[in-house]
Amino acid sequence: MNRSLRCRINDMRVFSLRTLREFWEQHPEAETPLRTWFRNAERTEWNNLSEVKTTYPHADLVGNFTVFNIGGNKYRLIVRVDYQYKRVFIRAILTHPEYDQGDWKE
């Protein structure tokens, strides 16, 4: 079925699955938790960080980005959420040690 037909009008639109796929090709154990996050994000209607935290209590705001702990805290998914237009832009997906280096902030 066409994605646009199965989506509710206010569901979030995530850009892009390809970024996640490229990561899990390098880290196969990340595939299941990333697919789950993607599916959950696209089937929700977040209006603010408080609503994000109802599903992902450990999500944090870091600057203009929302950071999710993925795969039992092994990975960090960094996104920019545009609540007004219901869009989620993936900035990076990193291992915990890569995230701690802080290079993604540049």
N, C-alpha and C. Protein backbone atom coordinates (compact mmCIF):
# COMPACT_ATOMS: atom_id res chain seq x y z
N MET A 1 0.84 -1.17 0.00
CA MET A 1 0.00 0.00 0.00
C MET A 1 0.89 1.24 0.00
N ASN A 2 0.49 2.24 -0.69
CA ASN A 2 1.21 3.50 -0.76
C ASN A 2 1.32 4.11 0.63
N ARG A 3 2.54 4.55 0.99
CA ARG A 3 2.77 5.12 2.32
C ARG A 3 1.82 6.26 2.62
N SER A 4 1.57 7.12 1.64
CA SER A 4 0.71 8.27 1.88
C SER A 4 -0.73 7.85 2.18
N LEU A 5 -1.15 6.69 1.71
CA LEU A 5 -2.49 6.23 1.98
C LEU A 5 -2.64 5.59 3.35
N ARG A 6 -1.56 5.02 3.86
CA ARG A 6 -1.66 4.34 5.14
C ARG A 6 -1.28 5.24 6.31
N CYS A 7 -0.77 6.42 6.06
CA CYS A 7 -0.39 7.34 7.12
C CYS A 7 -1.56 8.22 7.54
N ARG A 8 -1.65 8.49 8.80
CA ARG A 8 -2.60 9.50 9.25
C ARG A 8 -2.03 10.86 8.92
N ILE A 9 -2.85 11.84 8.83
CA ILE A 9 -2.43 13.17 8.40
C ILE A 9 -1.38 13.78 9.32
N ASN A 10 -1.42 13.49 10.61
CA ASN A 10 -0.49 14.13 11.55
C ASN A 10 0.70 13.26 11.95
N ASP A 11 0.85 12.10 11.32
CA ASP A 11 2.00 11.26 11.63
C ASP A 11 3.30 11.97 11.27
N MET A 12 4.35 11.63 11.99
CA MET A 12 5.66 12.20 11.71
C MET A 12 6.20 11.58 10.42
N ARG A 13 6.99 12.35 9.71
CA ARG A 13 7.68 11.86 8.50
C ARG A 13 9.17 11.86 8.82
N VAL A 14 9.82 10.70 8.71
CA VAL A 14 11.22 10.56 9.09
C VAL A 14 12.08 10.55 7.82
N PHE A 15 13.12 11.38 7.82
CA PHE A 15 14.08 11.46 6.71
C PHE A 15 15.44 11.04 7.25
N SER A 16 16.08 10.00 6.92
CA SER A 16 15.60 9.01 5.99
C SER A 16 16.02 7.64 6.49
N LEU A 17 15.27 6.65 6.07
CA LEU A 17 15.57 5.27 6.44
C LEU A 17 16.94 4.86 5.90
N ARG A 18 17.34 5.42 4.79
CA ARG A 18 18.63 5.05 4.20
C ARG A 18 19.78 5.29 5.17
N THR A 19 19.75 6.39 5.90
CA THR A 19 20.80 6.69 6.88
C THR A 19 20.89 5.58 7.93
N LEU A 20 19.73 5.15 8.40
CA LEU A 20 19.70 4.08 9.39
C LEU A 20 20.19 2.77 8.79
N ARG A 21 19.75 2.48 7.57
CA ARG A 21 20.16 1.25 6.90
C ARG A 21 21.68 1.19 6.72
N GLU A 22 22.27 2.30 6.32
CA GLU A 22 23.73 2.33 6.14
C GLU A 22 24.44 2.04 7.46
N PHE A 23 23.88 2.53 8.56
CA PHE A 23 24.48 2.28 9.86
C PHE A 23 24.37 0.80 10.24
N TRP A 24 23.17 0.23 10.09
CA TRP A 24 23.02 -1.15 10.52
C TRP A 24 23.72 -2.13 9.59
N GLU A 25 24.06 -1.72 8.40
CA GLU A 25 24.90 -2.58 7.55
C GLU A 25 26.30 -2.72 8.16
N GLN A 26 26.77 -1.71 8.86
CA GLN A 26 28.05 -1.74 9.55
C GLN A 26 27.93 -2.32 10.96
N HIS A 27 26.74 -2.20 11.54
CA HIS A 27 26.47 -2.66 12.91
C HIS A 27 25.17 -3.47 12.89
N PRO A 28 25.21 -4.72 12.43
CA PRO A 28 23.99 -5.52 12.24
C PRO A 28 23.10 -5.64 13.48
N GLU A 29 23.68 -5.63 14.66
CA GLU A 29 22.87 -5.74 15.88
C GLU A 29 22.01 -4.51 16.12
N ALA A 30 22.26 -3.43 15.38
CA ALA A 30 21.47 -2.21 15.53
C ALA A 30 20.21 -2.22 14.66
N GLU A 31 20.11 -3.18 13.76
CA GLU A 31 18.98 -3.16 12.81
C GLU A 31 17.62 -3.22 13.49
N THR A 32 17.42 -4.18 14.35
CA THR A 32 16.10 -4.33 14.98
C THR A 32 15.71 -3.09 15.80
N PRO A 33 16.58 -2.59 16.69
CA PRO A 33 16.14 -1.41 17.45
C PRO A 33 15.96 -0.17 16.57
N LEU A 34 16.74 -0.03 15.51
CA LEU A 34 16.56 1.13 14.63
C LEU A 34 15.27 1.02 13.81
N ARG A 35 14.97 -0.18 13.35
CA ARG A 35 13.70 -0.36 12.62
C ARG A 35 12.51 -0.08 13.54
N THR A 36 12.62 -0.54 14.78
CA THR A 36 11.55 -0.29 15.74
C THR A 36 11.37 1.19 15.99
N TRP A 37 12.48 1.91 16.21
CA TRP A 37 12.40 3.36 16.42
C TRP A 37 11.76 4.03 15.21
N PHE A 38 12.21 3.68 14.00
CA PHE A 38 11.68 4.27 12.78
C PHE A 38 10.17 4.06 12.67
N ARG A 39 9.76 2.83 12.87
CA ARG A 39 8.33 2.49 12.79
C ARG A 39 7.53 3.28 13.83
N ASN A 40 8.03 3.32 15.05
CA ASN A 40 7.34 4.06 16.11
C ASN A 40 7.26 5.55 15.79
N ALA A 41 8.37 6.11 15.32
CA ALA A 41 8.41 7.55 15.01
C ALA A 41 7.43 7.90 13.90
N GLU A 42 7.34 7.06 12.89
CA GLU A 42 6.43 7.36 11.78
C GLU A 42 4.97 7.16 12.14
N ARG A 43 4.69 6.44 13.20
CA ARG A 43 3.30 6.16 13.58
C ARG A 43 2.84 7.02 14.75
N THR A 44 3.55 8.07 15.01
CA THR A 44 3.21 8.90 16.16
C THR A 44 2.92 10.32 15.72
N GLU A 45 2.53 11.12 16.68
CA GLU A 45 2.22 12.52 16.42
C GLU A 45 2.82 13.36 17.56
N TRP A 46 4.13 13.58 17.51
CA TRP A 46 4.78 14.36 18.54
C TRP A 46 4.56 15.84 18.31
N ASN A 47 4.22 16.56 19.38
CA ASN A 47 4.06 18.00 19.31
C ASN A 47 5.11 18.74 20.11
N ASN A 48 5.85 18.01 20.95
CA ASN A 48 6.90 18.62 21.76
C ASN A 48 7.74 17.51 22.41
N LEU A 49 8.82 17.91 23.06
CA LEU A 49 9.72 16.94 23.67
C LEU A 49 9.03 16.13 24.77
N SER A 50 8.11 16.73 25.49
CA SER A 50 7.40 15.98 26.53
C SER A 50 6.66 14.79 25.95
N GLU A 51 6.07 14.97 24.78
CA GLU A 51 5.38 13.86 24.14
C GLU A 51 6.36 12.80 23.64
N VAL A 52 7.52 13.22 23.17
CA VAL A 52 8.56 12.26 22.77
C VAL A 52 8.93 11.41 23.97
N LYS A 53 9.08 12.05 25.12
CA LYS A 53 9.51 11.36 26.33
C LYS A 53 8.47 10.37 26.87
N THR A 54 7.23 10.49 26.45
CA THR A 54 6.24 9.50 26.88
C THR A 54 6.55 8.14 26.27
N THR A 55 7.12 8.14 25.06
CA THR A 55 7.51 6.89 24.41
C THR A 55 8.97 6.56 24.67
N TYR A 56 9.82 7.59 24.68
CA TYR A 56 11.27 7.43 24.87
C TYR A 56 11.71 8.29 26.05
N PRO A 57 11.55 7.79 27.27
CA PRO A 57 11.84 8.59 28.47
C PRO A 57 13.28 9.10 28.55
N HIS A 58 14.22 8.42 27.88
CA HIS A 58 15.62 8.83 27.97
C HIS A 58 16.04 9.74 26.82
N ALA A 59 15.09 10.17 26.01
CA ALA A 59 15.41 11.12 24.94
C ALA A 59 15.78 12.45 25.59
N ASP A 60 16.81 13.09 25.06
CA ASP A 60 17.28 14.36 25.61
C ASP A 60 17.43 15.39 24.52
N LEU A 61 17.23 16.64 24.89
CA LEU A 61 17.47 17.75 24.00
C LEU A 61 18.92 18.20 24.19
N VAL A 62 19.69 18.20 23.10
CA VAL A 62 21.08 18.65 23.13
C VAL A 62 21.20 19.71 22.04
N GLY A 63 21.24 20.96 22.45
CA GLY A 63 21.19 22.05 21.47
C GLY A 63 19.86 22.00 20.76
N ASN A 64 19.90 21.98 19.43
CA ASN A 64 18.67 21.89 18.62
C ASN A 64 18.30 20.46 18.26
N PHE A 65 19.01 19.50 18.82
CA PHE A 65 18.80 18.10 18.45
C PHE A 65 18.19 17.31 19.59
N THR A 66 17.43 16.28 19.22
CA THR A 66 16.92 15.32 20.18
C THR A 66 17.77 14.07 20.03
N VAL A 67 18.25 13.56 21.15
CA VAL A 67 19.14 12.39 21.15
C VAL A 67 18.41 11.23 21.82
N PHE A 68 18.35 10.11 21.08
CA PHE A 68 17.71 8.89 21.57
C PHE A 68 18.77 7.85 21.89
N ASN A 69 18.59 7.14 23.00
CA ASN A 69 19.40 5.97 23.32
C ASN A 69 18.76 4.79 22.59
N ILE A 70 19.56 4.09 21.81
CA ILE A 70 19.04 2.99 21.00
C ILE A 70 19.82 1.71 21.34
N GLY A 71 19.13 0.61 21.32
CA GLY A 71 19.79 -0.70 21.50
C GLY A 71 20.40 -0.87 22.87
N GLY A 72 19.64 -0.56 23.90
CA GLY A 72 20.16 -0.74 25.25
C GLY A 72 21.31 0.17 25.57
N ASN A 73 21.26 1.39 25.03
CA ASN A 73 22.26 2.43 25.30
C ASN A 73 23.57 2.20 24.54
N LYS A 74 23.57 1.33 23.53
CA LYS A 74 24.78 1.09 22.74
C LYS A 74 24.97 2.16 21.67
N TYR A 75 23.86 2.77 21.23
CA TYR A 75 23.91 3.72 20.12
C TYR A 75 23.18 5.00 20.49
N ARG A 76 23.55 6.06 19.77
CA ARG A 76 22.88 7.35 19.93
C ARG A 76 22.34 7.76 18.57
N LEU A 77 21.05 8.01 18.52
CA LEU A 77 20.39 8.50 17.33
C LEU A 77 20.12 9.98 17.54
N ILE A 78 20.69 10.80 16.67
CA ILE A 78 20.60 12.26 16.81
C ILE A 78 19.71 12.78 15.69
N VAL A 79 18.63 13.44 16.07
CA VAL A 79 17.68 13.93 15.08
C VAL A 79 17.29 15.38 15.38
N ARG A 80 16.78 16.04 14.36
CA ARG A 80 16.15 17.34 14.53
C ARG A 80 14.66 17.14 14.27
N VAL A 81 13.84 17.51 15.22
CA VAL A 81 12.40 17.32 15.09
C VAL A 81 11.75 18.67 14.79
N ASP A 82 11.02 18.72 13.69
CA ASP A 82 10.23 19.90 13.34
C ASP A 82 8.79 19.56 13.71
N TYR A 83 8.39 19.97 14.89
CA TYR A 83 7.08 19.61 15.41
C TYR A 83 5.96 20.25 14.59
N GLN A 84 6.17 21.44 14.11
CA GLN A 84 5.13 22.13 13.35
C GLN A 84 4.77 21.39 12.06
N TYR A 85 5.79 20.96 11.33
CA TYR A 85 5.56 20.29 10.05
C TYR A 85 5.62 18.77 10.14
N LYS A 86 5.74 18.24 11.36
CA LYS A 86 5.72 16.80 11.61
C LYS A 86 6.80 16.07 10.83
N ARG A 87 8.04 16.58 10.96
CA ARG A 87 9.16 15.98 10.25
C ARG A 87 10.31 15.71 11.22
N VAL A 88 10.99 14.59 10.99
CA VAL A 88 12.15 14.21 11.79
C VAL A 88 13.31 14.02 10.82
N PHE A 89 14.38 14.78 11.04
CA PHE A 89 15.55 14.71 10.18
C PHE A 89 16.69 14.04 10.95
N ILE A 90 17.19 12.94 10.42
CA ILE A 90 18.27 12.22 11.09
C ILE A 90 19.58 12.94 10.83
N ARG A 91 20.24 13.35 11.90
CA ARG A 91 21.54 14.01 11.81
C ARG A 91 22.66 12.99 11.81
N ALA A 92 22.57 12.01 12.73
CA ALA A 92 23.61 10.99 12.84
C ALA A 92 23.11 9.85 13.69
N ILE A 93 23.71 8.68 13.46
CA ILE A 93 23.56 7.54 14.35
C ILE A 93 24.97 7.09 14.66
N LEU A 94 25.28 7.01 15.94
CA LEU A 94 26.66 6.77 16.38
C LEU A 94 26.69 5.70 17.46
N THR A 95 27.84 5.06 17.57
CA THR A 95 28.05 4.20 18.73
C THR A 95 28.20 5.13 19.93
N HIS A 96 28.04 4.57 21.11
CA HIS A 96 28.17 5.39 22.32
C HIS A 96 29.54 6.07 22.39
N PRO A 97 30.67 5.35 22.14
CA PRO A 97 31.98 6.02 22.18
C PRO A 97 32.12 7.13 21.13
N GLU A 98 31.55 6.94 19.93
CA GLU A 98 31.61 7.99 18.90
C GLU A 98 30.84 9.22 19.35
N TYR A 99 29.70 8.99 19.97
CA TYR A 99 28.88 10.10 20.47
C TYR A 99 29.64 10.89 21.53
N ASP A 100 30.30 10.18 22.44
CA ASP A 100 31.04 10.83 23.52
C ASP A 100 32.16 11.72 23.02
N GLN A 101 32.69 11.44 21.82
CA GLN A 101 33.74 12.30 21.26
C GLN A 101 33.21 13.69 20.92
N GLY A 102 31.92 13.79 20.63
CA GLY A 102 31.31 15.09 20.40
C GLY A 102 31.50 15.69 19.02
N ASP A 103 32.13 14.97 18.09
CA ASP A 103 32.39 15.51 16.75
C ASP A 103 31.09 15.81 16.00
N TRP A 104 30.01 15.14 16.32
CA TRP A 104 28.75 15.33 15.61
C TRP A 104 28.17 16.73 15.82
N LYS A 105 28.61 17.43 16.85
CA LYS A 105 28.08 18.76 17.15
C LYS A 105 28.57 19.82 16.19
N GLU A 106 29.66 19.51 15.47
CA GLU A 106 30.24 20.50 14.56
C GLU A 106 29.49 20.62 13.28
